[in-house]
Amino acid sequence: MMNVASENSRNLYESFEVEKDIYYFKVGTLGLVSFHGRNYNIKKVISADELNKYITSGQFVRVSGSCYVNTGKIVSLTGGMILFDQKGSDTKQVPVSKWRQHHIKNLLSARKPIAM
């Protein structure tokens, strides 16, 4: 039973797609990035070029010094929080300053309607 769980974890770790699966990520030291998805958090070392590709793609927006959110996964921006999933009580959310919240709302207004 243990091998099945570790095999599934390894497959998720190796096969997740950042643009498609990740709600937000936090940049740490020495290239360590913590990716946060619906049901998981994965820490992975990535190159500076790969990180720069995610940041400059326009899909991820900086909400704090080291945290970037996937604009395609935002469900709601309210009360200083960005919410990604409204299914269940364990909603993934990230705090955001009022200034950045206003900036993100402006960026998203042309893309899709979101709850304000």
PDB file of N, CA and C in Angstrom:
ATOM      1  N   MET A   1       0.822  -1.193   0.000  1.00  0.00           N
ATOM      2  CA  MET A   1       0.000   0.000   0.000  1.00  0.00           C
ATOM      3  C   MET A   1       0.866   1.255   0.000  1.00  0.00           C
ATOM      4  N   MET A   2       1.943   1.236   0.714  1.00  0.00           N
ATOM      5  CA  MET A   2       2.833   2.373   0.786  1.00  0.00           C
ATOM      6  C   MET A   2       3.451   2.703  -0.569  1.00  0.00           C
ATOM      7  N   ASN A   3       3.791   1.701  -1.340  1.00  0.00           N
ATOM      8  CA  ASN A   3       4.398   1.929  -2.647  1.00  0.00           C
ATOM      9  C   ASN A   3       3.443   2.631  -3.604  1.00  0.00           C
ATOM     10  N   VAL A   4       2.158   2.308  -3.524  1.00  0.00           N
ATOM     11  CA  VAL A   4       1.170   2.938  -4.391  1.00  0.00           C
ATOM     12  C   VAL A   4       1.083   4.424  -4.071  1.00  0.00           C
ATOM     13  N   ALA A   5       1.033   4.770  -2.802  1.00  0.00           N
ATOM     14  CA  ALA A   5       0.947   6.175  -2.412  1.00  0.00           C
ATOM     15  C   ALA A   5       2.194   6.937  -2.839  1.00  0.00           C
ATOM     16  N   SER A   6       3.353   6.364  -2.631  1.00  0.00           N
ATOM     17  CA  SER A   6       4.574   7.066  -3.014  1.00  0.00           C
ATOM     18  C   SER A   6       4.686   7.170  -4.535  1.00  0.00           C
ATOM     19  N   GLU A   7       4.212   6.158  -5.261  1.00  0.00           N
ATOM     20  CA  GLU A   7       4.226   6.199  -6.723  1.00  0.00           C
ATOM     21  C   GLU A   7       3.300   7.303  -7.241  1.00  0.00           C
ATOM     22  N   ASN A   8       2.105   7.436  -6.637  1.00  0.00           N
ATOM     23  CA  ASN A   8       1.171   8.488  -7.043  1.00  0.00           C
ATOM     24  C   ASN A   8       1.744   9.866  -6.743  1.00  0.00           C
ATOM     25  N   SER A   9       2.405  10.013  -5.606  1.00  0.00           N
ATOM     26  CA  SER A   9       3.024  11.287  -5.251  1.00  0.00           C
ATOM     27  C   SER A   9       4.122  11.636  -6.244  1.00  0.00           C
ATOM     28  N   ARG A  10       4.928  10.670  -6.612  1.00  0.00           N
ATOM     29  CA  ARG A  10       6.010  10.911  -7.551  1.00  0.00           C
ATOM     30  C   ARG A  10       5.448  11.317  -8.914  1.00  0.00           C
ATOM     31  N   ASN A  11       4.382  10.654  -9.367  1.00  0.00           N
ATOM     32  CA  ASN A  11       3.777  11.003 -10.656  1.00  0.00           C
ATOM     33  C   ASN A  11       3.237  12.428 -10.643  1.00  0.00           C
ATOM     34  N   LEU A  12       2.576  12.831  -9.563  1.00  0.00           N
ATOM     35  CA  LEU A  12       2.066  14.189  -9.443  1.00  0.00           C
ATOM     36  C   LEU A  12       3.222  15.174  -9.467  1.00  0.00           C
ATOM     37  N   TYR A  13       4.272  14.879  -8.727  1.00  0.00           N
ATOM     38  CA  TYR A  13       5.430  15.763  -8.639  1.00  0.00           C
ATOM     39  C   TYR A  13       6.084  15.965 -10.009  1.00  0.00           C
ATOM     40  N   GLU A  14       6.148  14.924 -10.781  1.00  0.00           N
ATOM     41  CA  GLU A  14       6.817  14.992 -12.072  1.00  0.00           C
ATOM     42  C   GLU A  14       5.913  15.485 -13.193  1.00  0.00           C
ATOM     43  N   SER A  15       4.581  15.360 -13.051  1.00  0.00           N
ATOM     44  CA  SER A  15       3.711  15.610 -14.192  1.00  0.00           C
ATOM     45  C   SER A  15       2.813  16.835 -14.082  1.00  0.00           C
ATOM     46  N   PHE A  16       2.863  17.575 -12.985  1.00  0.00           N
ATOM     47  CA  PHE A  16       1.965  18.721 -12.906  1.00  0.00           C
ATOM     48  C   PHE A  16       2.406  19.814 -13.884  1.00  0.00           C
ATOM     49  N   GLU A  17       1.427  20.543 -14.404  1.00  0.00           N
ATOM     50  CA  GLU A  17       1.688  21.641 -15.327  1.00  0.00           C
ATOM     51  C   GLU A  17       1.430  22.949 -14.584  1.00  0.00           C
ATOM     52  N   VAL A  18       2.440  23.762 -14.471  1.00  0.00           N
ATOM     53  CA  VAL A  18       2.346  24.973 -13.676  1.00  0.00           C
ATOM     54  C   VAL A  18       1.192  25.856 -14.136  1.00  0.00           C
ATOM     55  N   GLU A  19       1.117  26.160 -15.407  1.00  0.00           N
ATOM     56  CA  GLU A  19       0.083  27.057 -15.909  1.00  0.00           C
ATOM     57  C   GLU A  19      -1.322  26.490 -15.741  1.00  0.00           C
ATOM     58  N   LYS A  20      -1.457  25.193 -15.794  1.00  0.00           N
ATOM     59  CA  LYS A  20      -2.772  24.547 -15.751  1.00  0.00           C
ATOM     60  C   LYS A  20      -3.200  24.153 -14.337  1.00  0.00           C
ATOM     61  N   ASP A  21      -2.271  23.678 -13.516  1.00  0.00           N
ATOM     62  CA  ASP A  21      -2.614  23.069 -12.232  1.00  0.00           C
ATOM     63  C   ASP A  21      -2.375  23.942 -11.002  1.00  0.00           C
ATOM     64  N   ILE A  22      -1.526  24.936 -11.098  1.00  0.00           N
ATOM     65  CA  ILE A  22      -1.092  25.678  -9.927  1.00  0.00           C
ATOM     66  C   ILE A  22      -1.937  26.925  -9.697  1.00  0.00           C
ATOM     67  N   TYR A  23      -2.367  27.133  -8.432  1.00  0.00           N
ATOM     68  CA  TYR A  23      -3.095  28.341  -8.055  1.00  0.00           C
ATOM     69  C   TYR A  23      -2.118  29.491  -7.821  1.00  0.00           C
ATOM     70  N   TYR A  24      -1.045  29.198  -7.073  1.00  0.00           N
ATOM     71  CA  TYR A  24      -0.037  30.217  -6.806  1.00  0.00           C
ATOM     72  C   TYR A  24       1.278  29.538  -6.464  1.00  0.00           C
ATOM     73  N   PHE A  25       2.361  30.306  -6.517  1.00  0.00           N
ATOM     74  CA  PHE A  25       3.650  29.779  -6.089  1.00  0.00           C
ATOM     75  C   PHE A  25       4.409  30.844  -5.324  1.00  0.00           C
ATOM     76  N   LYS A  26       5.291  30.364  -4.443  1.00  0.00           N
ATOM     77  CA  LYS A  26       6.135  31.242  -3.639  1.00  0.00           C
ATOM     78  C   LYS A  26       7.584  30.907  -3.930  1.00  0.00           C
ATOM     79  N   VAL A  27       8.364  31.941  -4.151  1.00  0.00           N
ATOM     80  CA  VAL A  27       9.772  31.782  -4.487  1.00  0.00           C
ATOM     81  C   VAL A  27      10.594  31.831  -3.206  1.00  0.00           C
ATOM     82  N   GLY A  28      11.425  30.808  -3.034  1.00  0.00           N
ATOM     83  CA  GLY A  28      12.308  30.744  -1.880  1.00  0.00           C
ATOM     84  C   GLY A  28      13.739  31.025  -2.279  1.00  0.00           C
ATOM     85  N   THR A  29      14.659  30.556  -1.483  1.00  0.00           N
ATOM     86  CA  THR A  29      16.071  30.776  -1.757  1.00  0.00           C
ATOM     87  C   THR A  29      16.637  29.668  -2.632  1.00  0.00           C
ATOM     88  N   LEU A  30      17.681  29.985  -3.333  1.00  0.00           N
ATOM     89  CA  LEU A  30      18.429  29.036  -4.156  1.00  0.00           C
ATOM     90  C   LEU A  30      17.569  28.285  -5.173  1.00  0.00           C
ATOM     91  N   GLY A  31      16.586  28.964  -5.744  1.00  0.00           N
ATOM     92  CA  GLY A  31      15.768  28.368  -6.789  1.00  0.00           C
ATOM     93  C   GLY A  31      14.663  27.451  -6.297  1.00  0.00           C
ATOM     94  N   LEU A  32      14.457  27.361  -4.974  1.00  0.00           N
ATOM     95  CA  LEU A  32      13.386  26.520  -4.437  1.00  0.00           C
ATOM     96  C   LEU A  32      12.064  27.261  -4.545  1.00  0.00           C
ATOM     97  N   VAL A  33      11.100  26.652  -5.228  1.00  0.00           N
ATOM     98  CA  VAL A  33       9.789  27.257  -5.420  1.00  0.00           C
ATOM     99  C   VAL A  33       8.737  26.314  -4.834  1.00  0.00           C
ATOM    100  N   SER A  34       7.814  26.885  -4.082  1.00  0.00           N
ATOM    101  CA  SER A  34       6.726  26.124  -3.485  1.00  0.00           C
ATOM    102  C   SER A  34       5.472  26.363  -4.318  1.00  0.00           C
ATOM    103  N   PHE A  35       5.018  25.321  -5.009  1.00  0.00           N
ATOM    104  CA  PHE A  35       3.838  25.397  -5.861  1.00  0.00           C
ATOM    105  C   PHE A  35       2.621  24.915  -5.074  1.00  0.00           C
ATOM    106  N   HIS A  36       1.515  25.661  -5.165  1.00  0.00           N
ATOM    107  CA  HIS A  36       0.300  25.326  -4.428  1.00  0.00           C
ATOM    108  C   HIS A  36      -0.840  25.109  -5.410  1.00  0.00           C
ATOM    109  N   GLY A  37      -1.394  23.892  -5.385  1.00  0.00           N
ATOM    110  CA  GLY A  37      -2.513  23.537  -6.245  1.00  0.00           C
ATOM    111  C   GLY A  37      -3.730  23.235  -5.403  1.00  0.00           C
ATOM    112  N   ARG A  38      -4.722  22.635  -6.019  1.00  0.00           N
ATOM    113  CA  ARG A  38      -5.985  22.383  -5.324  1.00  0.00           C
ATOM    114  C   ARG A  38      -5.812  21.489  -4.100  1.00  0.00           C
ATOM    115  N   ASN A  39      -5.130  20.374  -4.249  1.00  0.00           N
ATOM    116  CA  ASN A  39      -5.010  19.420  -3.151  1.00  0.00           C
ATOM    117  C   ASN A  39      -3.575  19.128  -2.750  1.00  0.00           C
ATOM    118  N   TYR A  40      -2.652  20.000  -3.122  1.00  0.00           N
ATOM    119  CA  TYR A  40      -1.257  19.699  -2.822  1.00  0.00           C
ATOM    120  C   TYR A  40      -0.389  20.945  -2.805  1.00  0.00           C
ATOM    121  N   ASN A  41       0.748  20.799  -2.163  1.00  0.00           N
ATOM    122  CA  ASN A  41       1.818  21.781  -2.165  1.00  0.00           C
ATOM    123  C   ASN A  41       3.086  21.023  -2.524  1.00  0.00           C
ATOM    124  N   ILE A  42       3.814  21.515  -3.519  1.00  0.00           N
ATOM    125  CA  ILE A  42       5.019  20.830  -3.988  1.00  0.00           C
ATOM    126  C   ILE A  42       6.173  21.819  -3.987  1.00  0.00           C
ATOM    127  N   LYS A  43       7.260  21.435  -3.360  1.00  0.00           N
ATOM    128  CA  LYS A  43       8.475  22.244  -3.406  1.00  0.00           C
ATOM    129  C   LYS A  43       9.401  21.632  -4.436  1.00  0.00           C
ATOM    130  N   LYS A  44       9.933  22.498  -5.298  1.00  0.00           N
ATOM    131  CA  LYS A  44      10.756  22.019  -6.390  1.00  0.00           C
ATOM    132  C   LYS A  44      11.814  23.072  -6.713  1.00  0.00           C
ATOM    133  N   VAL A  45      13.016  22.621  -7.015  1.00  0.00           N
ATOM    134  CA  VAL A  45      14.062  23.526  -7.452  1.00  0.00           C
ATOM    135  C   VAL A  45      13.924  23.713  -8.958  1.00  0.00           C
ATOM    136  N   ILE A  46      13.839  24.976  -9.400  1.00  0.00           N
ATOM    137  CA  ILE A  46      13.750  25.260 -10.827  1.00  0.00           C
ATOM    138  C   ILE A  46      14.820  26.287 -11.189  1.00  0.00           C
ATOM    139  N   SER A  47      15.147  26.359 -12.462  1.00  0.00           N
ATOM    140  CA  SER A  47      16.177  27.291 -12.924  1.00  0.00           C
ATOM    141  C   SER A  47      15.624  28.715 -12.939  1.00  0.00           C
ATOM    142  N   ALA A  48      16.510  29.680 -12.930  1.00  0.00           N
ATOM    143  CA  ALA A  48      16.115  31.086 -13.010  1.00  0.00           C
ATOM    144  C   ALA A  48      15.387  31.369 -14.320  1.00  0.00           C
ATOM    145  N   ASP A  49      15.821  30.726 -15.402  1.00  0.00           N
ATOM    146  CA  ASP A  49      15.159  30.913 -16.701  1.00  0.00           C
ATOM    147  C   ASP A  49      13.721  30.402 -16.671  1.00  0.00           C
ATOM    148  N   GLU A  50      13.515  29.249 -16.063  1.00  0.00           N
ATOM    149  CA  GLU A  50      12.173  28.680 -15.975  1.00  0.00           C
ATOM    150  C   GLU A  50      11.270  29.563 -15.118  1.00  0.00           C
ATOM    151  N   LEU A  51      11.788  30.035 -13.988  1.00  0.00           N
ATOM    152  CA  LEU A  51      11.027  30.931 -13.123  1.00  0.00           C
ATOM    153  C   LEU A  51      10.674  32.211 -13.864  1.00  0.00           C
ATOM    154  N   ASN A  52      11.633  32.774 -14.564  1.00  0.00           N
ATOM    155  CA  ASN A  52      11.409  34.003 -15.326  1.00  0.00           C
ATOM    156  C   ASN A  52      10.339  33.795 -16.405  1.00  0.00           C
ATOM    157  N   LYS A  53      10.318  32.613 -17.001  1.00  0.00           N
ATOM    158  CA  LYS A  53       9.304  32.300 -18.019  1.00  0.00           C
ATOM    159  C   LYS A  53       7.900  32.371 -17.421  1.00  0.00           C
ATOM    160  N   TYR A  54       7.712  31.819 -16.211  1.00  0.00           N
ATOM    161  CA  TYR A  54       6.400  31.873 -15.557  1.00  0.00           C
ATOM    162  C   TYR A  54       6.013  33.305 -15.215  1.00  0.00           C
ATOM    163  N   ILE A  55       6.980  34.063 -14.708  1.00  0.00           N
ATOM    164  CA  ILE A  55       6.700  35.422 -14.258  1.00  0.00           C
ATOM    165  C   ILE A  55       6.394  36.345 -15.434  1.00  0.00           C
ATOM    166  N   THR A  56       7.101  36.199 -16.541  1.00  0.00           N
ATOM    167  CA  THR A  56       6.909  37.095 -17.683  1.00  0.00           C
ATOM    168  C   THR A  56       5.792  36.648 -18.623  1.00  0.00           C
ATOM    169  N   SER A  57       5.216  35.467 -18.381  1.00  0.00           N
ATOM    170  CA  SER A  57       4.160  34.960 -19.268  1.00  0.00           C
ATOM    171  C   SER A  57       2.887  35.800 -19.214  1.00  0.00           C
ATOM    172  N   GLY A  58       2.690  36.542 -18.113  1.00  0.00           N
ATOM    173  CA  GLY A  58       1.473  37.323 -17.946  1.00  0.00           C
ATOM    174  C   GLY A  58       0.375  36.556 -17.243  1.00  0.00           C
ATOM    175  N   GLN A  59       0.545  35.257 -17.090  1.00  0.00           N
ATOM    176  CA  GLN A  59      -0.462  34.442 -16.418  1.00  0.00           C
ATOM    177  C   GLN A  59      -0.338  34.539 -14.902  1.00  0.00           C
ATOM    178  N   PHE A  60       0.861  34.803 -14.420  1.00  0.00           N
ATOM    179  CA  PHE A  60       1.101  34.930 -12.985  1.00  0.00           C
ATOM    180  C   PHE A  60       1.371  36.384 -12.641  1.00  0.00           C
ATOM    181  N   VAL A  61       0.723  36.850 -11.561  1.00  0.00           N
ATOM    182  CA  VAL A  61       0.864  38.228 -11.118  1.00  0.00           C
ATOM    183  C   VAL A  61       1.391  38.223  -9.688  1.00  0.00           C
ATOM    184  N   ARG A  62       2.331  39.122  -9.427  1.00  0.00           N
ATOM    185  CA  ARG A  62       2.933  39.219  -8.096  1.00  0.00           C
ATOM    186  C   ARG A  62       1.935  39.849  -7.119  1.00  0.00           C
ATOM    187  N   VAL A  63       1.745  39.202  -5.965  1.00  0.00           N
ATOM    188  CA  VAL A  63       0.868  39.754  -4.934  1.00  0.00           C
ATOM    189  C   VAL A  63       1.640  40.141  -3.681  1.00  0.00           C
ATOM    190  N   SER A  64       2.867  39.657  -3.563  1.00  0.00           N
ATOM    191  CA  SER A  64       3.748  40.064  -2.470  1.00  0.00           C
ATOM    192  C   SER A  64       5.179  39.859  -2.941  1.00  0.00           C
ATOM    193  N   GLY A  65       6.122  40.102  -2.060  1.00  0.00           N
ATOM    194  CA  GLY A  65       7.525  40.020  -2.436  1.00  0.00           C
ATOM    195  C   GLY A  65       7.934  38.729  -3.103  1.00  0.00           C
ATOM    196  N   SER A  66       7.361  37.603  -2.684  1.00  0.00           N
ATOM    197  CA  SER A  66       7.782  36.320  -3.236  1.00  0.00           C
ATOM    198  C   SER A  66       6.631  35.440  -3.710  1.00  0.00           C
ATOM    199  N   CYS A  67       5.426  35.964  -3.749  1.00  0.00           N
ATOM    200  CA  CYS A  67       4.243  35.166  -4.091  1.00  0.00           C
ATOM    201  C   CYS A  67       3.615  35.666  -5.393  1.00  0.00           C
ATOM    202  N   TYR A  68       3.346  34.705  -6.286  1.00  0.00           N
ATOM    203  CA  TYR A  68       2.725  34.988  -7.578  1.00  0.00           C
ATOM    204  C   TYR A  68       1.476  34.128  -7.723  1.00  0.00           C
ATOM    205  N   VAL A  69       0.363  34.730  -8.157  1.00  0.00           N
ATOM    206  CA  VAL A  69      -0.885  33.997  -8.312  1.00  0.00           C
ATOM    207  C   VAL A  69      -1.193  33.772  -9.788  1.00  0.00           C
ATOM    208  N   ASN A  70      -1.856  32.657 -10.071  1.00  0.00           N
ATOM    209  CA  ASN A  70      -2.281  32.313 -11.420  1.00  0.00           C
ATOM    210  C   ASN A  70      -3.595  33.035 -11.688  1.00  0.00           C
ATOM    211  N   THR A  71      -3.564  34.026 -12.561  1.00  0.00           N
ATOM    212  CA  THR A  71      -4.753  34.835 -12.815  1.00  0.00           C
ATOM    213  C   THR A  71      -5.901  34.022 -13.412  1.00  0.00           C
ATOM    214  N   GLY A  72      -5.574  32.942 -14.077  1.00  0.00           N
ATOM    215  CA  GLY A  72      -6.608  32.094 -14.659  1.00  0.00           C
ATOM    216  C   GLY A  72      -7.341  31.237 -13.648  1.00  0.00           C
ATOM    217  N   LYS A  73      -6.848  31.176 -12.425  1.00  0.00           N
ATOM    218  CA  LYS A  73      -7.453  30.342 -11.388  1.00  0.00           C
ATOM    219  C   LYS A  73      -8.176  31.144 -10.309  1.00  0.00           C
ATOM    220  N   ILE A  74      -8.128  32.472 -10.391  1.00  0.00           N
ATOM    221  CA  ILE A  74      -8.774  33.308  -9.377  1.00  0.00           C
ATOM    222  C   ILE A  74     -10.284  33.212  -9.535  1.00  0.00           C
ATOM    223  N   VAL A  75     -10.965  32.919  -8.430  1.00  0.00           N
ATOM    224  CA  VAL A  75     -12.420  32.837  -8.419  1.00  0.00           C
ATOM    225  C   VAL A  75     -13.013  34.112  -7.831  1.00  0.00           C
ATOM    226  N   SER A  76     -12.328  34.679  -6.828  1.00  0.00           N
ATOM    227  CA  SER A  76     -12.870  35.841  -6.138  1.00  0.00           C
ATOM    228  C   SER A  76     -11.742  36.697  -5.564  1.00  0.00           C
ATOM    229  N   LEU A  77     -11.969  38.008  -5.548  1.00  0.00           N
ATOM    230  CA  LEU A  77     -11.075  38.980  -4.911  1.00  0.00           C
ATOM    231  C   LEU A  77     -11.927  39.793  -3.952  1.00  0.00           C
ATOM    232  N   THR A  78     -11.768  39.535  -2.667  1.00  0.00           N
ATOM    233  CA  THR A  78     -12.602  40.249  -1.718  1.00  0.00           C
ATOM    234  C   THR A  78     -11.951  40.310  -0.344  1.00  0.00           C
ATOM    235  N   GLY A  79     -12.156  41.414   0.341  1.00  0.00           N
ATOM    236  CA  GLY A  79     -11.685  41.549   1.714  1.00  0.00           C
ATOM    237  C   GLY A  79     -10.198  41.331   1.896  1.00  0.00           C
ATOM    238  N   GLY A  80      -9.397  41.713   0.927  1.00  0.00           N
ATOM    239  CA  GLY A  80      -7.957  41.544   1.045  1.00  0.00           C
ATOM    240  C   GLY A  80      -7.490  40.117   0.835  1.00  0.00           C
ATOM    241  N   MET A  81      -8.338  39.295   0.239  1.00  0.00           N
ATOM    242  CA  MET A  81      -7.990  37.897  -0.016  1.00  0.00           C
ATOM    243  C   MET A  81      -8.296  37.534  -1.472  1.00  0.00           C
ATOM    244  N   ILE A  82      -7.433  36.686  -2.028  1.00  0.00           N
ATOM    245  CA  ILE A  82      -7.677  36.092  -3.343  1.00  0.00           C
ATOM    246  C   ILE A  82      -8.096  34.655  -3.087  1.00  0.00           C
ATOM    247  N   LEU A  83      -9.259  34.256  -3.587  1.00  0.00           N
ATOM    248  CA  LEU A  83      -9.752  32.895  -3.412  1.00  0.00           C
ATOM    249  C   LEU A  83      -9.665  32.153  -4.729  1.00  0.00           C
ATOM    250  N   PHE A  84      -9.279  30.878  -4.645  1.00  0.00           N
ATOM    251  CA  PHE A  84      -9.081  30.072  -5.841  1.00  0.00           C
ATOM    252  C   PHE A  84     -10.108  28.969  -6.016  1.00  0.00           C
ATOM    253  N   ASP A  85     -10.699  28.508  -4.949  1.00  0.00           N
ATOM    254  CA  ASP A  85     -11.591  27.352  -5.044  1.00  0.00           C
ATOM    255  C   ASP A  85     -12.677  27.513  -4.002  1.00  0.00           C
ATOM    256  N   GLN A  86     -13.924  27.511  -4.441  1.00  0.00           N
ATOM    257  CA  GLN A  86     -15.018  27.687  -3.496  1.00  0.00           C
ATOM    258  C   GLN A  86     -15.712  26.374  -3.173  1.00  0.00           C
ATOM    259  N   LYS A  87     -15.016  25.269  -3.355  1.00  0.00           N
ATOM    260  CA  LYS A  87     -15.592  23.957  -3.084  1.00  0.00           C
ATOM    261  C   LYS A  87     -15.073  23.473  -1.734  1.00  0.00           C
ATOM    262  N   GLY A  88     -15.956  23.427  -0.759  1.00  0.00           N
ATOM    263  CA  GLY A  88     -15.559  22.909   0.541  1.00  0.00           C
ATOM    264  C   GLY A  88     -15.035  23.989   1.465  1.00  0.00           C
ATOM    265  N   SER A  89     -14.665  23.564   2.660  1.00  0.00           N
ATOM    266  CA  SER A  89     -14.235  24.508   3.684  1.00  0.00           C
ATOM    267  C   SER A  89     -12.747  24.822   3.611  1.00  0.00           C
ATOM    268  N   ASP A  90     -11.980  24.034   2.878  1.00  0.00           N
ATOM    269  CA  ASP A  90     -10.542  24.259   2.777  1.00  0.00           C
ATOM    270  C   ASP A  90     -10.196  25.067   1.539  1.00  0.00           C
ATOM    271  N   THR A  91     -10.830  26.217   1.407  1.00  0.00           N
ATOM    272  CA  THR A  91     -10.612  27.073   0.249  1.00  0.00           C
ATOM    273  C   THR A  91      -9.187  27.598   0.258  1.00  0.00           C
ATOM    274  N   LYS A  92      -8.495  27.453  -0.851  1.00  0.00           N
ATOM    275  CA  LYS A  92      -7.152  28.012  -0.977  1.00  0.00           C
ATOM    276  C   LYS A  92      -7.295  29.519  -1.156  1.00  0.00           C
ATOM    277  N   GLN A  93      -6.515  30.265  -0.376  1.00  0.00           N
ATOM    278  CA  GLN A  93      -6.573  31.713  -0.467  1.00  0.00           C
ATOM    279  C   GLN A  93      -5.219  32.321  -0.140  1.00  0.00           C
ATOM    280  N   VAL A  94      -5.027  33.537  -0.646  1.00  0.00           N
ATOM    281  CA  VAL A  94      -3.780  34.263  -0.456  1.00  0.00           C
ATOM    282  C   VAL A  94      -4.135  35.700  -0.078  1.00  0.00           C
ATOM    283  N   PRO A  95      -3.500  36.252   0.955  1.00  0.00           N
ATOM    284  CA  PRO A  95      -3.749  37.659   1.285  1.00  0.00           C
ATOM    285  C   PRO A  95      -3.123  38.581   0.245  1.00  0.00           C
ATOM    286  N   VAL A  96      -3.777  39.717   0.021  1.00  0.00           N
ATOM    287  CA  VAL A  96      -3.286  40.686  -0.961  1.00  0.00           C
ATOM    288  C   VAL A  96      -3.575  42.098  -0.441  1.00  0.00           C
ATOM    289  N   SER A  97      -2.639  43.015  -0.652  1.00  0.00           N
ATOM    290  CA  SER A  97      -2.851  44.399  -0.219  1.00  0.00           C
ATOM    291  C   SER A  97      -3.943  45.033  -1.070  1.00  0.00           C
ATOM    292  N   LYS A  98      -4.561  46.093  -0.542  1.00  0.00           N
ATOM    293  CA  LYS A  98      -5.632  46.758  -1.285  1.00  0.00           C
ATOM    294  C   LYS A  98      -5.130  47.314  -2.610  1.00  0.00           C
ATOM    295  N   TRP A  99      -3.907  47.855  -2.623  1.00  0.00           N
ATOM    296  CA  TRP A  99      -3.352  48.402  -3.855  1.00  0.00           C
ATOM    297  C   TRP A  99      -3.196  47.307  -4.902  1.00  0.00           C
ATOM    298  N   ARG A 100      -2.604  46.185  -4.513  1.00  0.00           N
ATOM    299  CA  ARG A 100      -2.419  45.077  -5.465  1.00  0.00           C
ATOM    300  C   ARG A 100      -3.759  44.463  -5.856  1.00  0.00           C
ATOM    301  N   GLN A 101      -4.700  44.404  -4.917  1.00  0.00           N
ATOM    302  CA  GLN A 101      -6.025  43.873  -5.235  1.00  0.00           C
ATOM    303  C   GLN A 101      -6.669  44.732  -6.323  1.00  0.00           C
ATOM    304  N   HIS A 102      -6.570  46.031  -6.203  1.00  0.00           N
ATOM    305  CA  HIS A 102      -7.124  46.933  -7.215  1.00  0.00           C
ATOM    306  C   HIS A 102      -6.424  46.717  -8.564  1.00  0.00           C
ATOM    307  N   HIS A 103      -5.116  46.591  -8.539  1.00  0.00           N
ATOM    308  CA  HIS A 103      -4.333  46.363  -9.760  1.00  0.00           C
ATOM    309  C   HIS A 103      -4.754  45.048 -10.435  1.00  0.00           C
ATOM    310  N   ILE A 104      -4.915  43.984  -9.663  1.00  0.00           N
ATOM    311  CA  ILE A 104      -5.301  42.682 -10.217  1.00  0.00           C
ATOM    312  C   ILE A 104      -6.722  42.740 -10.787  1.00  0.00           C
ATOM    313  N   LYS A 105      -7.629  43.428 -10.099  1.00  0.00           N
ATOM    314  CA  LYS A 105      -8.991  43.587 -10.619  1.00  0.00           C
ATOM    315  C   LYS A 105      -8.972  44.274 -11.983  1.00  0.00           C
ATOM    316  N   ASN A 106      -8.137  45.294 -12.109  1.00  0.00           N
ATOM    317  CA  ASN A 106      -8.027  45.989 -13.398  1.00  0.00           C
ATOM    318  C   ASN A 106      -7.481  45.065 -14.483  1.00  0.00           C
ATOM    319  N   LEU A 107      -6.481  44.259 -14.143  1.00  0.00           N
ATOM    320  CA  LEU A 107      -5.923  43.322 -15.116  1.00  0.00           C
ATOM    321  C   LEU A 107      -6.949  42.289 -15.567  1.00  0.00           C
ATOM    322  N   LEU A 108      -7.748  41.822 -14.627  1.00  0.00           N
ATOM    323  CA  LEU A 108      -8.696  40.754 -14.925  1.00  0.00           C
ATOM    324  C   LEU A 108     -10.012  41.242 -15.522  1.00  0.00           C
ATOM    325  N   SER A 109     -10.305  42.505 -15.401  1.00  0.00           N
ATOM    326  CA  SER A 109     -11.611  42.993 -15.849  1.00  0.00           C
ATOM    327  C   SER A 109     -11.875  42.730 -17.324  1.00  0.00           C
ATOM    328  N   ALA A 110     -10.837  42.740 -18.126  1.00  0.00           N
ATOM    329  CA  ALA A 110     -11.015  42.468 -19.549  1.00  0.00           C
ATOM    330  C   ALA A 110     -11.013  40.978 -19.870  1.00  0.00           C
ATOM    331  N   ARG A 111     -10.505  40.162 -18.958  1.00  0.00           N
ATOM    332  CA  ARG A 111     -10.371  38.725 -19.229  1.00  0.00           C
ATOM    333  C   ARG A 111     -11.626  37.931 -18.929  1.00  0.00           C
ATOM    334  N   LYS A 112     -12.129  38.054 -17.692  1.00  0.00           N
ATOM    335  CA  LYS A 112     -13.314  37.291 -17.302  1.00  0.00           C
ATOM    336  C   LYS A 112     -13.958  37.968 -16.095  1.00  0.00           C
ATOM    337  N   PRO A 113     -15.263  37.800 -15.924  1.00  0.00           N
ATOM    338  CA  PRO A 113     -15.907  38.361 -14.740  1.00  0.00           C
ATOM    339  C   PRO A 113     -15.541  37.538 -13.511  1.00  0.00           C
ATOM    340  N   ILE A 114     -15.225  38.220 -12.421  1.00  0.00           N
ATOM    341  CA  ILE A 114     -14.933  37.528 -11.162  1.00  0.00           C
ATOM    342  C   ILE A 114     -15.762  38.169 -10.068  1.00  0.00           C
ATOM    343  N   ALA A 115     -15.991  37.446  -9.001  1.00  0.00           N
ATOM    344  CA  ALA A 115     -16.743  37.960  -7.865  1.00  0.00           C
ATOM    345  C   ALA A 115     -15.918  39.018  -7.161  1.00  0.00           C
ATOM    346  N   MET A 116     -16.528  40.138  -6.854  1.00  0.00           N
ATOM    347  CA  MET A 116     -15.800  41.213  -6.177  1.00  0.00           C
ATOM    348  C   MET A 116     -16.353  41.360  -4.811  1.00  0.00           C
TER     349      MET A 116
END
